[in-house]
Protein backbone atom coordinates (compact mmCIF):
# COMPACT_ATOMS: atom_id res chain seq x y z
CA MET A 1 125.83 96.21 119.63
CA ALA A 2 124.74 95.79 116.02
CA LEU A 3 126.27 93.66 113.29
CA VAL A 4 126.97 95.46 110.01
CA VAL A 5 128.04 93.94 106.70
CA GLN A 6 129.80 96.36 104.37
CA LYS A 7 130.53 95.68 100.71
CA PHE A 8 133.08 97.62 98.66
CA GLY A 9 133.00 97.27 94.88
CA GLY A 10 135.93 97.31 92.50
CA THR A 11 136.01 101.10 92.03
CA SER A 12 136.00 101.52 95.82
CA VAL A 13 139.20 99.47 96.19
CA ALA A 14 140.87 100.34 92.88
CA ASP A 15 144.19 101.42 94.42
CA ALA A 16 146.02 101.62 97.75
CA THR A 17 144.62 105.05 98.62
CA LYS A 18 141.04 103.90 98.09
CA ILE A 19 141.61 100.69 100.03
CA LEU A 20 142.86 102.73 103.00
CA ALA A 21 139.83 105.05 102.74
CA ALA A 22 137.48 102.05 102.69
CA ALA A 23 139.27 100.50 105.67
CA LYS A 24 138.64 103.72 107.62
CA LYS A 25 134.90 103.33 107.00
CA ALA A 26 134.99 99.79 108.40
CA ILE A 27 136.95 100.92 111.44
CA ALA A 28 134.53 103.82 112.00
CA ARG A 29 131.64 101.36 112.21
CA GLN A 30 133.57 99.22 114.70
CA GLU A 31 134.40 102.28 116.80
CA GLU A 32 130.65 102.96 117.04
CA GLY A 33 130.47 99.67 118.94
CA HIS A 34 129.37 97.39 116.08
CA LYS A 35 130.68 94.09 114.79
CA VAL A 36 131.81 94.46 111.18
CA VAL A 37 132.11 92.08 108.22
CA VAL A 38 133.53 93.56 105.01
CA VAL A 39 132.96 91.96 101.59
CA VAL A 40 135.40 93.07 98.90
CA SER A 41 135.41 92.82 95.11
CA ALA A 42 138.45 92.55 92.87
CA MET A 43 140.36 95.81 92.39
CA GLY A 44 139.15 98.07 89.60
CA HIS A 45 139.29 96.31 86.24
CA GLN A 46 141.25 93.33 87.56
CA THR A 47 138.58 90.82 86.54
CA ASP A 48 138.53 92.20 82.99
CA ILE A 49 142.31 91.88 82.83
CA LEU A 50 142.15 88.25 83.95
CA VAL A 51 139.41 87.44 81.42
CA ASP A 52 141.49 89.02 78.65
CA LEU A 53 144.52 86.96 79.68
CA ALA A 54 142.48 83.78 79.56
CA ARG A 55 141.22 84.56 76.07
CA GLN A 56 144.77 85.15 74.90
CA ILE A 57 145.50 81.58 75.95
CA SER A 58 142.29 79.91 74.77
CA GLU A 59 139.22 81.00 72.83
CA ARG A 60 137.05 78.72 75.00
CA PRO A 61 138.76 78.25 78.37
CA SER A 62 137.44 75.68 80.81
CA ALA A 63 134.74 77.10 83.11
CA ARG A 64 136.39 75.39 86.09
CA GLU A 65 139.75 77.00 85.33
CA MET A 66 138.10 80.38 84.77
CA ASP A 67 136.73 80.16 88.31
CA MET A 68 140.17 79.27 89.60
CA LEU A 69 141.62 82.27 87.78
CA LEU A 70 138.95 84.89 88.51
CA SER A 71 138.77 84.08 92.22
CA THR A 72 142.35 85.36 92.62
CA GLY A 73 141.18 88.94 92.06
CA GLU A 74 139.18 88.99 95.29
CA GLN A 75 141.95 87.17 97.15
CA VAL A 76 144.32 90.05 96.36
CA SER A 77 141.75 92.61 97.53
CA VAL A 78 140.94 90.98 100.87
CA ALA A 79 144.60 90.58 101.78
CA LEU A 80 145.38 94.23 101.00
CA PHE A 81 142.24 95.38 102.84
CA ALA A 82 143.24 93.42 105.95
CA MET A 83 146.73 94.93 105.74
CA ALA A 84 145.14 98.40 105.57
CA VAL A 85 143.09 97.74 108.73
CA HIS A 86 146.26 96.52 110.50
CA ALA A 87 148.15 99.62 109.37
CA LEU A 88 145.39 101.78 110.89
CA GLY A 89 145.77 100.07 114.26
CA ARG A 90 142.92 97.54 114.25
CA GLU A 91 142.74 93.76 113.93
CA ALA A 92 141.38 92.09 110.82
CA VAL A 93 141.39 88.65 109.20
CA SER A 94 140.96 88.04 105.46
CA LEU A 95 139.05 84.95 104.31
CA THR A 96 138.35 83.36 100.95
CA GLY A 97 134.88 82.06 100.17
CA ALA A 98 136.02 78.53 101.03
CA GLN A 99 137.48 79.65 104.37
CA ILE A 100 134.20 81.35 105.26
CA GLY A 101 132.26 78.22 104.38
CA ILE A 102 130.25 79.42 101.37
CA ARG A 103 128.98 76.23 99.74
CA THR A 104 127.61 76.42 96.20
CA ASP A 105 126.39 74.13 93.47
CA SER A 106 128.85 73.12 90.75
CA THR A 107 127.71 75.47 87.98
CA HIS A 108 131.07 77.06 87.25
CA THR A 109 131.07 80.83 86.51
CA LYS A 110 127.36 81.05 87.51
CA ALA A 111 127.17 79.11 90.77
CA ARG A 112 124.33 79.46 93.26
CA ILE A 113 124.84 79.52 97.01
CA ARG A 114 123.57 76.42 98.82
CA SER A 115 124.62 77.23 102.39
CA ILE A 116 126.97 79.36 104.46
CA SER A 117 128.64 78.26 107.68
CA THR A 118 128.74 81.03 110.29
CA ASP A 119 130.78 79.45 113.12
CA HIS A 120 134.23 80.64 112.02
CA VAL A 121 133.10 84.16 111.20
CA ARG A 122 131.26 84.52 114.52
CA LYS A 123 134.32 83.42 116.51
CA LEU A 124 136.44 86.03 114.77
CA LEU A 125 133.83 88.74 115.35
CA ASP A 126 133.51 87.80 119.02
CA ALA A 127 137.30 88.14 119.31
CA GLY A 128 137.00 91.77 118.20
CA LYS A 129 138.32 91.34 114.67
CA ILE A 130 136.99 92.89 111.48
CA VAL A 131 136.33 90.01 109.05
CA ILE A 132 137.33 90.71 105.45
CA ALA A 133 135.47 88.31 103.16
CA ALA A 134 136.18 87.65 99.50
CA GLY A 135 133.09 88.33 97.44
CA PHE A 136 131.99 86.53 94.27
CA GLN A 137 133.27 83.08 95.24
CA GLY A 138 132.57 79.85 97.09
CA ILE A 139 133.39 76.14 97.01
CA ASP A 140 131.35 73.20 95.74
CA GLN A 141 130.88 69.71 97.21
CA ASP A 142 134.00 68.48 95.43
CA GLY A 143 136.18 71.21 96.92
CA ASP A 144 136.44 73.13 93.62
CA ILE A 145 136.42 76.91 93.67
CA THR A 146 133.30 78.42 92.11
CA THR A 147 132.27 81.97 91.24
CA LEU A 148 128.79 83.47 91.45
CA GLY A 149 128.62 85.35 88.16
CA ARG A 150 127.82 88.99 87.52
CA GLY A 151 127.10 90.94 90.70
CA GLY A 152 128.51 88.11 92.78
CA SER A 153 130.04 90.32 95.47
CA ASP A 154 126.68 91.99 96.12
CA THR A 155 125.18 88.52 96.42
CA THR A 156 127.90 87.44 98.86
CA ALA A 157 127.37 90.52 101.02
CA VAL A 158 123.59 90.21 101.31
CA ALA A 159 123.82 86.43 101.80
CA LEU A 160 126.27 86.89 104.69
CA ALA A 161 124.01 89.56 106.16
CA ALA A 162 121.12 87.10 105.95
CA VAL A 163 122.79 84.16 107.71
CA LEU A 164 124.44 86.37 110.33
CA ASP A 165 121.18 88.22 111.12
CA ALA A 166 122.96 91.48 110.40
CA ASP A 167 121.21 94.70 111.32
CA LEU A 168 122.27 96.35 108.07
CA CYS A 169 124.07 95.61 104.81
CA GLU A 170 125.87 98.66 103.43
CA ILE A 171 126.73 98.57 99.72
CA TYR A 172 129.49 101.09 98.98
CA THR A 173 129.81 101.94 95.31
CA ASP A 174 130.77 104.71 92.90
CA VAL A 175 127.24 106.19 92.96
CA ASP A 176 125.53 107.69 95.98
CA GLY A 177 122.34 105.63 95.91
CA VAL A 178 119.58 104.31 93.70
CA TYR A 179 118.42 106.82 91.11
CA THR A 180 115.17 107.28 89.22
CA THR A 181 117.19 106.21 86.17
CA ASP A 182 120.84 105.85 85.24
CA PRO A 183 122.45 109.31 85.68
CA ARG A 184 124.88 108.42 82.90
CA VAL A 185 121.93 108.14 80.51
CA LEU A 186 119.94 111.09 81.84
CA LYS A 187 121.43 113.94 83.88
CA GLU A 188 117.99 114.83 85.32
CA ALA A 189 117.95 111.56 87.29
CA ARG A 190 117.29 111.97 91.03
CA ARG A 191 118.40 109.90 94.00
CA LEU A 192 115.66 108.04 95.87
CA PRO A 193 115.96 108.11 99.69
CA SER A 194 114.25 104.71 99.85
CA ILE A 195 112.79 102.05 97.58
CA SER A 196 110.98 98.74 98.10
CA TYR A 197 112.47 95.29 97.49
CA ASP A 198 110.06 94.59 94.63
CA GLU A 199 110.78 97.89 92.89
CA MET A 200 114.52 97.34 93.26
CA LEU A 201 114.19 93.76 92.01
CA GLU A 202 112.44 94.97 88.89
CA LEU A 203 114.89 97.82 88.29
CA ALA A 204 117.93 95.60 88.92
CA SER A 205 116.73 92.89 86.53
CA LEU A 206 115.67 95.46 83.95
CA GLY A 207 119.08 97.05 83.60
CA ALA A 208 119.66 99.33 86.60
CA GLY A 209 123.31 98.61 87.33
CA VAL A 210 123.55 99.67 91.00
CA MET A 211 122.86 96.18 92.35
CA HIS A 212 122.33 92.73 90.90
CA SER A 213 118.89 91.17 91.16
CA ARG A 214 120.16 88.03 92.94
CA SER A 215 121.34 90.10 95.89
CA ILE A 216 117.93 91.77 96.18
CA GLU A 217 116.30 88.34 96.04
CA PHE A 218 118.29 87.46 99.16
CA ALA A 219 117.36 90.72 100.82
CA LYS A 220 113.64 90.20 100.22
CA LYS A 221 113.67 86.51 101.15
CA PHE A 222 115.52 87.04 104.45
CA GLY A 223 114.39 90.57 105.39
CA VAL A 224 117.85 92.18 105.06
CA LYS A 225 117.80 95.98 105.06
CA VAL A 226 120.23 97.26 102.45
CA LEU A 227 121.73 100.75 102.28
CA VAL A 228 123.34 101.78 98.99
CA ARG A 229 125.78 104.64 99.47
CA SER A 230 128.82 106.30 97.95
CA SER A 231 132.39 105.36 98.76
CA PHE A 232 133.53 108.85 97.87
CA LYS A 233 130.82 111.28 99.06
CA ASP A 234 129.25 111.66 102.50
CA VAL A 235 125.56 111.51 101.51
CA PRO A 236 122.73 109.46 103.06
CA GLY A 237 122.27 106.96 100.20
CA THR A 238 119.18 104.85 99.46
CA MET A 239 117.61 102.33 101.84
CA ILE A 240 116.04 99.23 100.28
CA LEU A 241 113.13 98.09 102.45
CA PRO A 242 109.96 96.00 102.54
CA ALA A 243 107.07 97.57 100.61
CA ASN A 244 105.17 98.48 103.79
CA GLN A 245 108.14 100.56 104.96
CA SER A 246 108.75 102.39 101.67
CA PRO A 247 106.70 105.21 100.10
CA GLU A 248 104.10 104.09 97.55
CA ARG A 249 104.68 105.91 94.26
CA PRO A 250 102.95 105.23 90.91
CA VAL A 251 106.39 105.23 89.28
CA SER A 252 109.68 105.18 91.17
CA GLY A 253 112.11 104.63 88.34
CA VAL A 254 112.84 104.00 84.68
CA ALA A 255 115.26 101.26 83.61
CA LEU A 256 117.04 100.67 80.32
CA ALA A 257 118.31 97.26 79.24
CA LYS A 258 120.16 98.24 76.09
CA ASP A 259 121.52 94.90 74.87
CA GLU A 260 118.38 92.83 74.34
CA ALA A 261 117.58 90.41 71.55
CA ARG A 262 114.11 89.34 70.44
CA VAL A 263 113.22 85.84 69.24
CA THR A 264 109.81 84.94 67.79
CA VAL A 265 108.60 81.44 67.01
CA GLU A 266 105.95 82.06 64.37
CA ASN A 267 102.72 80.21 63.62
CA VAL A 268 102.99 77.89 66.61
CA PRO A 269 100.14 75.33 66.78
CA ASP A 270 97.73 76.84 69.31
CA GLN A 271 97.45 73.75 71.49
CA PRO A 272 98.56 72.55 74.94
CA GLY A 273 102.25 71.71 75.12
CA SER A 274 103.66 74.13 72.54
CA SER A 275 104.95 76.61 75.14
CA HIS A 276 106.32 73.81 77.28
CA ALA A 277 108.25 72.34 74.35
CA LEU A 278 109.99 75.68 73.80
CA PHE A 279 110.69 76.83 77.34
CA SER A 280 111.76 73.45 78.67
CA LYS A 281 114.52 73.33 76.05
CA LEU A 282 115.58 76.90 76.81
CA ALA A 283 115.68 76.10 80.54
CA ALA A 284 117.79 73.00 79.87
CA SER A 285 120.26 75.24 78.01
CA GLY A 286 120.49 77.53 81.06
CA ILE A 287 118.88 80.50 79.30
CA ALA A 288 116.71 82.65 81.57
CA VAL A 289 114.31 84.42 79.22
CA ASP A 290 112.95 87.85 80.11
CA MET A 291 109.89 89.22 78.34
CA ILE A 292 107.57 86.42 77.22
CA VAL A 293 104.69 87.40 74.96
CA GLN A 294 102.24 84.94 73.47
CA ASN A 295 99.52 86.49 71.38
CA VAL A 296 95.95 85.25 71.22
CA GLY A 297 95.67 82.33 68.81
CA GLN A 298 94.04 83.00 65.44
CA GLN A 299 93.06 80.27 62.95
CA GLY A 300 94.75 77.62 65.07
CA VAL A 301 98.18 79.26 65.37
CA ALA A 302 99.88 81.84 67.60
CA ASP A 303 103.26 83.56 67.85
CA ILE A 304 105.47 83.20 70.91
CA SER A 305 108.06 85.94 71.40
CA PHE A 306 110.66 86.31 74.11
CA THR A 307 113.75 88.36 74.85
CA VAL A 308 117.19 87.26 75.98
CA PRO A 309 120.48 89.09 76.58
CA ALA A 310 122.18 89.63 73.23
CA ASP A 311 125.05 87.32 74.28
CA ASP A 312 122.58 84.42 74.61
CA LEU A 313 121.01 84.94 71.18
CA PRO A 314 123.00 82.30 69.22
CA THR A 315 122.09 79.55 71.69
CA ALA A 316 118.48 80.74 71.95
CA LEU A 317 118.10 80.69 68.15
CA GLU A 318 119.54 77.20 67.93
CA VAL A 319 117.12 75.93 70.57
CA ALA A 320 114.09 77.79 69.16
CA SER A 321 114.76 76.58 65.61
CA GLY A 322 114.95 72.98 66.79
CA VAL A 323 111.69 73.28 68.71
CA ALA A 324 109.96 75.00 65.77
CA ARG A 325 110.76 72.02 63.56
CA GLN A 326 109.66 69.60 66.27
CA ILE A 327 106.21 71.14 66.84
CA GLY A 328 105.51 72.16 63.24
CA ALA A 329 105.76 75.93 63.71
CA GLY A 330 106.16 78.26 60.76
CA GLY A 331 109.69 79.38 61.56
CA VAL A 332 111.81 81.62 63.75
CA SER A 333 112.60 85.32 63.35
CA HIS A 334 114.84 87.48 65.50
CA ASP A 335 116.28 90.93 66.01
CA GLU A 336 119.42 91.56 68.05
CA GLY A 337 119.23 95.37 67.96
CA MET A 338 116.67 95.82 70.73
CA ALA A 339 116.44 97.73 74.00
CA LYS A 340 113.91 97.35 76.78
CA VAL A 341 112.58 100.38 78.64
CA SER A 342 110.54 99.85 81.80
CA VAL A 343 108.77 101.99 84.37
CA VAL A 344 108.41 100.54 87.87
CA GLY A 345 106.34 101.56 90.89
CA VAL A 346 104.51 99.79 93.71
CA GLY A 347 101.67 102.34 93.49
CA MET A 348 101.05 101.64 89.81
CA GLU A 349 98.28 99.13 90.50
CA ARG A 350 96.13 101.78 92.20
CA ALA A 351 97.00 104.69 89.90
CA GLU A 352 94.97 105.43 86.77
CA GLY A 353 96.38 105.96 83.31
CA VAL A 354 100.00 104.96 83.93
CA ALA A 355 100.27 102.90 80.74
CA GLY A 356 98.61 105.59 78.65
CA ARG A 357 100.98 108.27 79.97
CA MET A 358 104.00 106.14 79.12
CA PHE A 359 102.81 105.19 75.64
CA SER A 360 101.84 108.78 74.84
CA ALA A 361 105.22 110.10 75.95
CA LEU A 362 106.99 107.65 73.64
CA ALA A 363 104.62 108.39 70.78
CA ARG A 364 105.42 112.11 70.99
CA GLU A 365 109.05 111.19 70.34
CA GLY A 366 108.11 109.02 67.35
CA ILE A 367 109.28 105.84 69.10
CA ASN A 368 107.69 102.64 67.84
CA LEU A 369 106.87 99.89 70.35
CA ARG A 370 107.88 96.40 69.24
CA MET A 371 106.49 94.53 72.26
CA ILE A 372 104.65 95.41 75.47
CA THR A 373 104.25 93.43 78.67
CA THR A 374 102.97 94.53 82.05
CA SER A 375 102.68 93.38 85.63
CA GLU A 376 101.13 94.96 88.71
CA ILE A 377 104.20 97.15 89.32
CA LYS A 378 105.91 97.30 85.93
CA ILE A 379 105.35 98.26 82.30
CA SER A 380 108.04 97.17 79.84
CA VAL A 381 108.31 98.05 76.17
CA LEU A 382 110.74 96.75 73.57
CA VAL A 383 112.09 99.40 71.21
CA ASP A 384 114.87 99.72 68.67
CA ARG A 385 118.20 99.99 70.48
CA ALA A 386 118.88 103.42 69.01
CA ASP A 387 115.63 104.69 70.57
CA GLY A 388 116.48 103.48 74.08
CA PRO A 389 117.95 106.68 75.59
CA ALA A 390 115.21 108.88 74.11
CA ALA A 391 112.57 106.51 75.44
CA VAL A 392 114.08 106.72 78.94
CA GLU A 393 114.08 110.53 78.81
CA ALA A 394 110.47 110.64 77.61
CA ALA A 395 109.18 108.23 80.28
CA HIS A 396 111.21 109.92 83.03
CA GLY A 397 109.73 113.30 82.17
CA ALA A 398 106.20 111.99 81.78
CA PHE A 399 106.08 110.91 85.42
CA GLY A 400 107.85 113.95 86.87
CA LEU A 401 110.80 111.94 88.12
CA ASP A 402 113.15 114.89 87.62
CA ALA A 403 111.47 116.63 90.60
CA GLU A 404 113.04 116.36 94.04
CA SER A 405 111.71 113.45 96.11
CA THR A 406 109.31 114.17 98.95
CA ASP A 407 110.31 110.91 100.66
CA GLY A 408 111.04 111.58 104.32
CA GLY A 409 114.43 109.93 104.11
CA ILE A 410 116.14 107.37 106.35
CA ASP A 411 117.46 107.18 109.86
CA PRO A 412 120.62 109.39 109.87
CA SER A 413 122.58 106.72 111.75
CA GLY A 414 122.10 104.34 108.82
CA LEU A 415 121.01 101.58 111.22
CA PRO A 416 117.33 100.55 111.32
CA HIS A 417 115.56 100.70 114.65
CA ALA A 418 114.36 97.11 114.45
CA LYS A 419 115.51 93.98 112.64
CA ALA A 420 113.31 91.59 110.72
CA ALA A 421 112.48 88.48 112.72
CA PRO A 422 115.03 85.72 111.99
CA LEU A 423 113.89 82.71 110.00
CA ASP A 424 114.31 79.12 111.06
CA VAL A 425 118.05 78.32 111.18
CA VAL A 426 117.79 75.29 108.93
CA ARG A 427 115.82 77.24 106.36
CA ARG A 428 118.45 79.99 106.45
CA LEU A 429 121.39 77.72 105.83
CA GLU A 430 120.02 75.28 103.28
CA GLY A 431 119.00 76.03 99.72
CA MET A 432 119.62 79.76 100.12
CA GLU A 433 119.13 80.53 96.45
CA ASP A 434 116.33 78.09 95.80
CA LEU A 435 113.29 79.42 94.03
CA ALA A 436 110.84 80.75 96.64
CA ILE A 437 107.27 80.83 95.33
CA GLU A 438 105.01 82.69 97.73
CA ASP A 439 101.59 82.22 96.19
CA CYS A 440 99.52 81.32 93.13
CA GLN A 441 96.25 83.19 92.79
CA LEU A 442 93.27 82.89 90.49
CA ASP A 443 91.21 85.81 89.17
CA SER A 444 88.19 84.63 87.19
CA SER A 445 86.55 88.05 86.97
CA GLN A 446 88.21 89.33 83.79
CA ALA A 447 87.47 89.62 80.09
CA LEU A 448 90.09 89.63 77.33
CA VAL A 449 89.99 92.08 74.41
CA THR A 450 92.39 91.81 71.46
CA PHE A 451 93.04 94.17 68.55
CA THR A 452 94.37 92.51 65.41
CA GLU A 453 95.63 94.04 62.17
CA LEU A 454 96.59 97.34 63.81
CA SER A 455 98.97 99.36 61.67
CA ASP A 456 102.49 99.07 63.11
CA THR A 457 103.23 102.78 63.50
CA PRO A 458 104.50 104.95 66.36
CA GLY A 459 101.66 106.03 68.62
CA VAL A 460 99.24 103.19 68.01
CA ALA A 461 99.42 101.94 71.62
CA ALA A 462 99.12 105.52 72.90
CA ASP A 463 95.99 106.14 70.85
CA VAL A 464 94.41 102.88 72.01
CA PHE A 465 95.00 103.43 75.71
CA GLU A 466 94.24 107.14 75.69
CA GLU A 467 90.80 106.23 74.36
CA VAL A 468 90.51 103.37 76.86
CA GLY A 469 91.48 105.76 79.67
CA ARG A 470 88.92 108.39 78.61
CA ALA A 471 86.28 105.67 78.81
CA GLY A 472 87.23 105.07 82.45
CA LEU A 473 88.13 101.43 81.87
CA ASN A 474 90.31 99.75 84.49
CA VAL A 475 92.93 97.80 82.49
CA ASP A 476 94.93 95.01 84.11
CA MET A 477 97.27 93.06 81.80
CA ILE A 478 98.53 94.64 78.57
CA VAL A 479 100.41 92.57 76.00
CA GLN A 480 101.58 93.58 72.54
CA SER A 481 103.15 90.85 70.44
CA HIS A 482 105.99 91.49 68.02
CA PRO A 483 104.57 93.05 64.82
CA ARG A 484 104.52 90.98 61.65
CA ASN A 485 103.73 91.98 58.07
CA GLY A 486 103.33 95.62 59.07
CA THR A 487 100.59 94.97 61.64
CA ALA A 488 100.55 94.69 65.43
CA GLU A 489 98.33 92.84 67.88
CA ILE A 490 97.47 94.33 71.29
CA SER A 491 95.56 92.48 74.01
CA PHE A 492 94.35 93.71 77.39
CA THR A 493 92.17 92.44 80.19
CA VAL A 494 89.41 94.32 82.02
CA PRO A 495 87.00 93.38 84.81
CA ALA A 496 84.20 91.26 83.37
CA ALA A 497 81.71 93.91 84.51
CA ASP A 498 83.34 96.38 82.07
CA ARG A 499 83.33 93.91 79.17
CA ASP A 500 80.46 95.46 77.17
CA ARG A 501 81.84 98.98 77.51
CA ALA A 502 85.34 97.73 76.61
CA ILE A 503 84.02 96.04 73.48
CA GLU A 504 82.17 99.21 72.47
CA VAL A 505 85.29 101.36 72.93
CA ALA A 506 87.49 98.79 71.19
CA GLY A 507 85.08 98.66 68.27
CA ARG A 508 85.31 102.43 67.77
CA ILE A 509 89.10 102.34 67.94
CA ALA A 510 89.33 99.43 65.52
CA ALA A 511 86.92 101.02 63.03
CA SER A 512 88.95 104.23 62.95
CA ARG A 513 92.14 102.30 62.25
CA GLY A 514 90.97 99.54 59.94
CA ALA A 515 91.63 96.90 62.59
CA LYS A 516 89.58 94.05 64.02
CA VAL A 517 88.53 93.14 67.56
CA VAL A 518 88.45 89.66 69.09
CA GLU A 519 86.95 89.24 72.54
CA MET A 520 86.79 86.48 75.13
CA PRO A 521 84.02 87.51 77.56
CA HIS A 522 85.26 85.40 80.47
CA VAL A 523 88.85 84.32 81.16
CA SER A 524 90.87 83.20 84.14
CA LYS A 525 94.16 84.86 85.09
CA LEU A 526 96.66 82.92 87.19
CA SER A 527 99.38 84.91 88.95
CA ILE A 528 102.48 83.26 90.41
CA THR A 529 104.46 85.46 92.81
CA GLY A 530 107.77 84.83 94.52
CA VAL A 531 111.51 85.40 94.60
CA GLY A 532 113.75 84.15 91.79
CA ILE A 533 111.08 83.91 89.09
CA ARG A 534 113.29 85.41 86.39
CA SER A 535 116.71 84.23 87.57
CA HIS A 536 115.68 80.55 87.71
CA ALA A 537 115.53 79.27 84.15
CA SER A 538 113.30 76.36 85.19
CA VAL A 539 110.30 78.50 86.21
CA ALA A 540 108.73 78.65 82.75
CA ASP A 541 109.17 74.91 82.36
CA ARG A 542 107.52 74.25 85.73
CA LEU A 543 104.64 76.50 84.70
CA PHE A 544 103.96 75.19 81.20
CA LYS A 545 104.61 71.47 81.65
CA PRO A 546 101.89 70.59 84.20
CA LEU A 547 99.32 72.71 82.35
CA ALA A 548 100.15 70.95 79.09
CA GLU A 549 99.86 67.55 80.77
CA GLN A 550 96.35 68.47 81.92
CA GLY A 551 95.35 69.69 78.46
CA VAL A 552 95.18 73.38 79.45
CA ASN A 553 95.90 75.83 76.64
CA ILE A 554 97.43 79.23 77.46
CA ASP A 555 95.91 82.25 75.74
CA LEU A 556 98.19 85.01 77.02
CA VAL A 557 101.42 85.37 79.02
CA SER A 558 103.14 88.30 80.76
CA THR A 559 106.21 88.24 82.99
CA SER A 560 108.09 90.27 85.56
CA GLU A 561 110.82 89.71 88.16
CA VAL A 562 108.38 88.88 90.95
CA ARG A 563 105.28 87.74 89.08
CA LEU A 564 104.30 85.55 86.15
CA ASN A 565 100.75 85.89 84.77
CA VAL A 566 98.96 83.55 82.38
CA VAL A 567 95.45 83.73 80.97
CA VAL A 568 93.47 80.56 80.28
CA ALA A 569 89.87 79.79 79.39
CA ALA A 570 87.45 80.57 82.22
CA GLU A 571 86.31 76.97 82.61
CA GLN A 572 89.92 75.82 83.12
CA GLY A 573 90.74 78.31 85.87
CA GLU A 574 90.07 76.19 88.96
CA LYS A 575 91.81 73.15 87.49
CA SER A 576 94.81 75.26 86.45
CA LEU A 577 95.06 76.76 89.93
CA ALA A 578 95.18 73.32 91.54
CA VAL A 579 97.74 72.11 89.00
CA LEU A 580 100.09 75.06 89.55
CA ARG A 581 99.77 75.10 93.32
CA ASN A 582 100.82 71.46 93.29
CA ALA A 583 103.65 72.08 90.79
CA PHE A 584 105.16 74.85 92.95
CA GLY A 585 104.68 73.09 96.29
CA LEU A 586 101.81 75.26 97.49
CA ALA A 587 99.14 72.55 97.69
């Protein structure tokens, strides 16, 4: 007998007919001999209706009272779902988050799960009942109702699957799986039979709306196998699995985050502590920044750029302006009309020319790149918002993602043959959403090459990396800072053994474009990997503060959902590694 957690989103329970249809799916699983927990969202647009009502009463309603209000949407759904199961001849019990025992912190409207009690749910399951759990909500130490923020029902479902050691977590939604890109943006999108946790984490955080990144963090941390499938069509869906159980593709998907804003703190003193001053204040304001790009310092100053959701721009500007005055920076610029386009694939690290193919595809469409940042499995570019859909189409076509997948598919039963080994019980139930840093590694075998004064025109990055690719250079990090005064700056790292050849190639490129080349023959790259790197606003602060205290200056930064890379001077590599391993509890 297996244990299955099923989650039904708002469109899947939008009316009585759909609730009955969803209840039949839960009963079908039970009739197969499995124990079943169902997590339910609020019906249809019920949450939007409640938010609108609140704003009619108050322009700035209390966060505590918003949680009290919004939690009622799921309470309606679970009661109706339980009634549907009863009407179909089976036993069910509906439970709120508090009745389940979902304990959270006290951050109203964006709470994080601290622990989940399983005793009550297990007793009900052992008695043969289907448990209907309210998604999106919990209770804090003071007994106040809390909600988990966007994607909270997905988070509830995967968290319950984790603590119950469920064999499978089925996410029923209005799409029939995870696609190579959003089918609403590009009709040529194709469903992926399977995808790895890390790829899904990147796609979810980068704008793919099928699942929220916090739920995938849980899945990766606790080894939960997740199956995304349609509520309305009988198709296999997409299984989300560990990387060693999922096909390795250079690019699995393209994501579009269309409501991004860019903030640049200009002419920051290029000295230890400047980055910490900025990101500690942003973290204290609860702003989780996304792309972070710091260019190589020139004449004692550097620019630090970062992106935030457009809704967070006013607060981010207020914080950044205050820090700029404090540290003597030149000022703050911003642009709220941005979109971020990213390609993701676990096989990217071992495939040649991925960056060049992406940049060339965008150049052919006349799309200018405002920022670039890369990790081992992701390349992200910032473009004008109006160019977002065209950039997705160009990247999707460049990697042949419109072709049918050759992935072998998933087990037709939908249940994996073997579960991940359970973690220690105490570790499961305490600090469930704590940041989980897996490792901090040092690579001292790289050289850093930087182009300055490149003309800010469409195709410049494509030209650079096509030439680099023809030279057979193995590029690791790529960072392009936000252009200023009509010029762009692009930095990349290569193995130190390729330094001389890289400088030669860079010199030719720069000469043909009226640019300059700056090189650092030996640098150290530190890579922090883990779960929750982007969703925990404190990560940047924990990175920059201890380095600043030890007098370590950062030359380059790139970020992703599962990895944060920084480049420092070669002679500071070993010291920086020890500092960061201690800061993240890895010593």
